């Protein structure tokens, strides 16, 4: 998925990214965290906020 597609789909949302794929998204970081914290594979897990025109890696 290209950056522009990601920004259109997830703009204004927090996302969890695992192995290059968005696995959860929500308007709050806490909700995203709660969705993925019990996931078995957390080795390559990142959280990001996508404001709509830029990506900020936390």
PDB file of N, CA and C in Angstrom:
ATOM      1  N   UNK A   1       0.857  -1.181   0.000  1.00  0.00           N
ATOM      2  CA  UNK A   1       0.000   0.000   0.000  1.00  0.00           C
ATOM      3  C   UNK A   1       0.898   1.238   0.000  1.00  0.00           C
ATOM      4  N   UNK A   2       0.635   2.155  -0.882  1.00  0.00           N
ATOM      5  CA  UNK A   2       1.437   3.371  -0.967  1.00  0.00           C
ATOM      6  C   UNK A   2       1.088   4.334   0.162  1.00  0.00           C
ATOM      7  N   UNK A   3       1.992   5.272   0.423  1.00  0.00           N
ATOM      8  CA  UNK A   3       1.781   6.244   1.493  1.00  0.00           C
ATOM      9  C   UNK A   3       0.481   7.025   1.315  1.00  0.00           C
ATOM     10  N   UNK A   4       0.165   7.434   0.089  1.00  0.00           N
ATOM     11  CA  UNK A   4      -1.041   8.235  -0.127  1.00  0.00           C
ATOM     12  C   UNK A   4      -2.300   7.422   0.161  1.00  0.00           C
ATOM     13  N   UNK A   5      -2.278   6.137  -0.164  1.00  0.00           N
ATOM     14  CA  UNK A   5      -3.426   5.275   0.140  1.00  0.00           C
ATOM     15  C   UNK A   5      -3.592   5.125   1.643  1.00  0.00           C
ATOM     16  N   UNK A   6      -2.476   4.956   2.340  1.00  0.00           N
ATOM     17  CA  UNK A   6      -2.522   4.817   3.794  1.00  0.00           C
ATOM     18  C   UNK A   6      -3.065   6.096   4.422  1.00  0.00           C
ATOM     19  N   UNK A   7      -2.609   7.245   3.943  1.00  0.00           N
ATOM     20  CA  UNK A   7      -3.062   8.523   4.496  1.00  0.00           C
ATOM     21  C   UNK A   7      -4.553   8.730   4.260  1.00  0.00           C
ATOM     22  N   UNK A   8      -5.039   8.342   3.091  1.00  0.00           N
ATOM     23  CA  UNK A   8      -6.469   8.481   2.809  1.00  0.00           C
ATOM     24  C   UNK A   8      -7.299   7.561   3.698  1.00  0.00           C
ATOM     25  N   UNK A   9      -6.829   6.335   3.877  1.00  0.00           N
ATOM     26  CA  UNK A   9      -7.594   5.337   4.625  1.00  0.00           C
ATOM     27  C   UNK A   9      -7.517   5.541   6.138  1.00  0.00           C
ATOM     28  N   UNK A  10      -6.334   5.908   6.646  1.00  0.00           N
ATOM     29  CA  UNK A  10      -6.126   5.994   8.083  1.00  0.00           C
ATOM     30  C   UNK A  10      -5.835   7.406   8.580  1.00  0.00           C
ATOM     31  N   UNK A  11      -6.056   8.419   7.784  1.00  0.00           N
ATOM     32  CA  UNK A  11      -5.781   9.794   8.186  1.00  0.00           C
ATOM     33  C   UNK A  11      -6.528  10.185   9.454  1.00  0.00           C
ATOM     34  N   UNK A  12      -5.814  10.774  10.409  1.00  0.00           N
ATOM     35  CA  UNK A  12      -6.415  11.185  11.674  1.00  0.00           C
ATOM     36  C   UNK A  12      -6.581  10.047  12.661  1.00  0.00           C
ATOM     37  N   UNK A  13      -5.883   8.949  12.444  1.00  0.00           N
ATOM     38  CA  UNK A  13      -6.025   7.777  13.308  1.00  0.00           C
ATOM     39  C   UNK A  13      -4.663   7.271  13.767  1.00  0.00           C
ATOM     40  N   UNK A  14      -4.667   6.569  14.892  1.00  0.00           N
ATOM     41  CA  UNK A  14      -3.495   5.834  15.346  1.00  0.00           C
ATOM     42  C   UNK A  14      -3.554   4.449  14.723  1.00  0.00           C
ATOM     43  N   UNK A  15      -2.405   3.900  14.372  1.00  0.00           N
ATOM     44  CA  UNK A  15      -2.360   2.563  13.782  1.00  0.00           C
ATOM     45  C   UNK A  15      -1.266   1.741  14.454  1.00  0.00           C
ATOM     46  N   UNK A  16      -1.449   0.428  14.416  1.00  0.00           N
ATOM     47  CA  UNK A  16      -0.414  -0.520  14.822  1.00  0.00           C
ATOM     48  C   UNK A  16       0.062  -1.196  13.550  1.00  0.00           C
ATOM     49  N   UNK A  17       1.366  -1.257  13.376  1.00  0.00           N
ATOM     50  CA  UNK A  17       1.964  -1.828  12.171  1.00  0.00           C
ATOM     51  C   UNK A  17       2.829  -3.009  12.576  1.00  0.00           C
ATOM     52  N   UNK A  18       2.605  -4.152  11.925  1.00  0.00           N
ATOM     53  CA  UNK A  18       3.392  -5.342  12.191  1.00  0.00           C
ATOM     54  C   UNK A  18       3.809  -5.933  10.854  1.00  0.00           C
ATOM     55  N   UNK A  19       5.112  -6.071  10.670  1.00  0.00           N
ATOM     56  CA  UNK A  19       5.686  -6.607   9.430  1.00  0.00           C
ATOM     57  C   UNK A  19       5.201  -5.856   8.202  1.00  0.00           C
ATOM     58  N   UNK A  20       5.110  -4.526   8.317  1.00  0.00           N
ATOM     59  CA  UNK A  20       4.757  -3.682   7.185  1.00  0.00           C
ATOM     60  C   UNK A  20       3.279  -3.590   6.874  1.00  0.00           C
ATOM     61  N   UNK A  21       2.423  -4.190   7.688  1.00  0.00           N
ATOM     62  CA  UNK A  21       0.980  -4.151   7.456  1.00  0.00           C
ATOM     63  C   UNK A  21       0.273  -3.515   8.633  1.00  0.00           C
ATOM     64  N   UNK A  22      -0.755  -2.729   8.344  1.00  0.00           N
ATOM     65  CA  UNK A  22      -1.572  -2.138   9.404  1.00  0.00           C
ATOM     66  C   UNK A  22      -2.468  -3.246   9.953  1.00  0.00           C
ATOM     67  N   UNK A  23      -2.336  -3.524  11.261  1.00  0.00           N
ATOM     68  CA  UNK A  23      -3.125  -4.601  11.857  1.00  0.00           C
ATOM     69  C   UNK A  23      -4.244  -4.091  12.752  1.00  0.00           C
ATOM     70  N   UNK A  24      -4.206  -2.806  13.114  1.00  0.00           N
ATOM     71  CA  UNK A  24      -5.276  -2.212  13.921  1.00  0.00           C
ATOM     72  C   UNK A  24      -5.234  -0.707  13.757  1.00  0.00           C
ATOM     73  N   UNK A  25      -6.417  -0.073  13.850  1.00  0.00           N
ATOM     74  CA  UNK A  25      -6.472   1.386  13.801  1.00  0.00           C
ATOM     75  C   UNK A  25      -7.629   1.870  14.653  1.00  0.00           C
ATOM     76  N   UNK A  26      -7.477   3.071  15.202  1.00  0.00           N
ATOM     77  CA  UNK A  26      -8.512   3.683  16.019  1.00  0.00           C
ATOM     78  C   UNK A  26      -8.168   5.158  16.207  1.00  0.00           C
ATOM     79  N   UNK A  27      -9.117   5.909  16.753  1.00  0.00           N
ATOM     80  CA  UNK A  27      -8.869   7.324  16.985  1.00  0.00           C
ATOM     81  C   UNK A  27      -8.055   7.564  18.255  1.00  0.00           C
ATOM     82  N   UNK A  28      -7.923   6.542  19.114  1.00  0.00           N
ATOM     83  CA  UNK A  28      -7.089   6.687  20.306  1.00  0.00           C
ATOM     84  C   UNK A  28      -5.990   5.633  20.319  1.00  0.00           C
ATOM     85  N   UNK A  29      -4.837   6.014  20.817  1.00  0.00           N
ATOM     86  CA  UNK A  29      -3.710   5.094  20.911  1.00  0.00           C
ATOM     87  C   UNK A  29      -4.025   3.963  21.887  1.00  0.00           C
ATOM     88  N   UNK A  30      -4.749   4.266  22.950  1.00  0.00           N
ATOM     89  CA  UNK A  30      -5.095   3.254  23.950  1.00  0.00           C
ATOM     90  C   UNK A  30      -5.910   2.116  23.334  1.00  0.00           C
ATOM     91  N   UNK A  31      -6.872   2.438  22.482  1.00  0.00           N
ATOM     92  CA  UNK A  31      -7.685   1.411  21.829  1.00  0.00           C
ATOM     93  C   UNK A  31      -6.834   0.534  20.918  1.00  0.00           C
ATOM     94  N   UNK A  32      -5.939   1.145  20.158  1.00  0.00           N
ATOM     95  CA  UNK A  32      -5.049   0.377  19.270  1.00  0.00           C
ATOM     96  C   UNK A  32      -4.162  -0.536  20.104  1.00  0.00           C
ATOM     97  N   UNK A  33      -3.603  -0.007  21.166  1.00  0.00           N
ATOM     98  CA  UNK A  33      -2.733  -0.786  22.042  1.00  0.00           C
ATOM     99  C   UNK A  33      -3.481  -1.984  22.630  1.00  0.00           C
ATOM    100  N   UNK A  34      -4.687  -1.753  23.109  1.00  0.00           N
ATOM    101  CA  UNK A  34      -5.478  -2.834  23.693  1.00  0.00           C
ATOM    102  C   UNK A  34      -5.837  -3.904  22.665  1.00  0.00           C
ATOM    103  N   UNK A  35      -6.012  -3.518  21.408  1.00  0.00           N
ATOM    104  CA  UNK A  35      -6.346  -4.486  20.353  1.00  0.00           C
ATOM    105  C   UNK A  35      -5.180  -5.419  20.049  1.00  0.00           C
ATOM    106  N   UNK A  36      -3.949  -4.933  20.170  1.00  0.00           N
ATOM    107  CA  UNK A  36      -2.801  -5.723  19.724  1.00  0.00           C
ATOM    108  C   UNK A  36      -1.904  -6.236  20.847  1.00  0.00           C
ATOM    109  N   UNK A  37      -2.119  -5.815  22.092  1.00  0.00           N
ATOM    110  CA  UNK A  37      -1.197  -6.174  23.173  1.00  0.00           C
ATOM    111  C   UNK A  37      -1.163  -7.680  23.430  1.00  0.00           C
ATOM    112  N   UNK A  38      -2.250  -8.358  23.164  1.00  0.00           N
ATOM    113  CA  UNK A  38      -2.291  -9.803  23.397  1.00  0.00           C
ATOM    114  C   UNK A  38      -1.830 -10.606  22.182  1.00  0.00           C
ATOM    115  N   UNK A  39      -1.398  -9.906  21.147  1.00  0.00           N
ATOM    116  CA  UNK A  39      -0.932 -10.559  19.923  1.00  0.00           C
ATOM    117  C   UNK A  39       0.319 -11.396  20.221  1.00  0.00           C
ATOM    118  N   UNK A  40       0.397 -12.551  19.604  1.00  0.00           N
ATOM    119  CA  UNK A  40       1.534 -13.449  19.828  1.00  0.00           C
ATOM    120  C   UNK A  40       2.835 -12.892  19.265  1.00  0.00           C
ATOM    121  N   UNK A  41       2.769 -12.261  18.112  1.00  0.00           N
ATOM    122  CA  UNK A  41       3.969 -11.792  17.425  1.00  0.00           C
ATOM    123  C   UNK A  41       4.133 -10.285  17.600  1.00  0.00           C
ATOM    124  N   UNK A  42       4.883  -9.880  18.625  1.00  0.00           N
ATOM    125  CA  UNK A  42       5.068  -8.456  18.906  1.00  0.00           C
ATOM    126  C   UNK A  42       6.476  -7.977  18.605  1.00  0.00           C
ATOM    127  N   UNK A  43       7.275  -8.827  17.997  1.00  0.00           N
ATOM    128  CA  UNK A  43       8.675  -8.478  17.769  1.00  0.00           C
ATOM    129  C   UNK A  43       8.849  -7.298  16.822  1.00  0.00           C
ATOM    130  N   UNK A  44       8.026  -7.213  15.800  1.00  0.00           N
ATOM    131  CA  UNK A  44       8.133  -6.153  14.792  1.00  0.00           C
ATOM    132  C   UNK A  44       6.902  -5.252  14.850  1.00  0.00           C
ATOM    133  N   UNK A  45       6.527  -4.827  16.045  1.00  0.00           N
ATOM    134  CA  UNK A  45       5.301  -4.059  16.253  1.00  0.00           C
ATOM    135  C   UNK A  45       5.633  -2.579  16.459  1.00  0.00           C
ATOM    136  N   UNK A  46       4.981  -1.713  15.683  1.00  0.00           N
ATOM    137  CA  UNK A  46       5.186  -0.271  15.782  1.00  0.00           C
ATOM    138  C   UNK A  46       3.838   0.423  15.877  1.00  0.00           C
ATOM    139  N   UNK A  47       3.829   1.556  16.533  1.00  0.00           N
ATOM    140  CA  UNK A  47       2.637   2.393  16.605  1.00  0.00           C
ATOM    141  C   UNK A  47       2.939   3.702  15.890  1.00  0.00           C
ATOM    142  N   UNK A  48       1.948   4.226  15.187  1.00  0.00           N
ATOM    143  CA  UNK A  48       2.135   5.485  14.468  1.00  0.00           C
ATOM    144  C   UNK A  48       0.826   6.268  14.487  1.00  0.00           C
ATOM    145  N   UNK A  49       0.947   7.587  14.364  1.00  0.00           N
ATOM    146  CA  UNK A  49      -0.226   8.445  14.181  1.00  0.00           C
ATOM    147  C   UNK A  49      -0.149   9.003  12.765  1.00  0.00           C
ATOM    148  N   UNK A  50      -1.234   8.871  12.029  1.00  0.00           N
ATOM    149  CA  UNK A  50      -1.270   9.360  10.650  1.00  0.00           C
ATOM    150  C   UNK A  50      -2.230  10.546  10.603  1.00  0.00           C
ATOM    151  N   UNK A  51      -1.704  11.770  10.584  1.00  0.00           N
ATOM    152  CA  UNK A  51      -2.564  12.951  10.632  1.00  0.00           C
ATOM    153  C   UNK A  51      -3.292  13.268   9.335  1.00  0.00           C
ATOM    154  N   UNK A  52      -2.963  12.603   8.258  1.00  0.00           N
ATOM    155  CA  UNK A  52      -3.666  12.876   7.010  1.00  0.00           C
ATOM    156  C   UNK A  52      -2.740  13.349   5.908  1.00  0.00           C
ATOM    157  N   UNK A  53      -1.656  14.024   6.260  1.00  0.00           N
ATOM    158  CA  UNK A  53      -0.727  14.467   5.219  1.00  0.00           C
ATOM    159  C   UNK A  53       0.729  14.162   5.572  1.00  0.00           C
ATOM    160  N   UNK A  54       0.953  13.455   6.659  1.00  0.00           N
ATOM    161  CA  UNK A  54       2.300  13.118   7.083  1.00  0.00           C
ATOM    162  C   UNK A  54       2.217  11.920   8.018  1.00  0.00           C
ATOM    163  N   UNK A  55       3.313  11.207   8.205  1.00  0.00           N
ATOM    164  CA  UNK A  55       3.355  10.058   9.104  1.00  0.00           C
ATOM    165  C   UNK A  55       4.354  10.342  10.210  1.00  0.00           C
ATOM    166  N   UNK A  56       3.952  10.142  11.458  1.00  0.00           N
ATOM    167  CA  UNK A  56       4.800  10.335  12.627  1.00  0.00           C
ATOM    168  C   UNK A  56       4.985   8.985  13.306  1.00  0.00           C
ATOM    169  N   UNK A  57       6.201   8.466  13.319  1.00  0.00           N
ATOM    170  CA  UNK A  57       6.492   7.188  13.978  1.00  0.00           C
ATOM    171  C   UNK A  57       6.784   7.472  15.444  1.00  0.00           C
ATOM    172  N   UNK A  58       6.087   6.781  16.319  1.00  0.00           N
ATOM    173  CA  UNK A  58       6.265   6.989  17.768  1.00  0.00           C
ATOM    174  C   UNK A  58       7.335   6.069  18.319  1.00  0.00           C
TER     175      UNK A  58
END
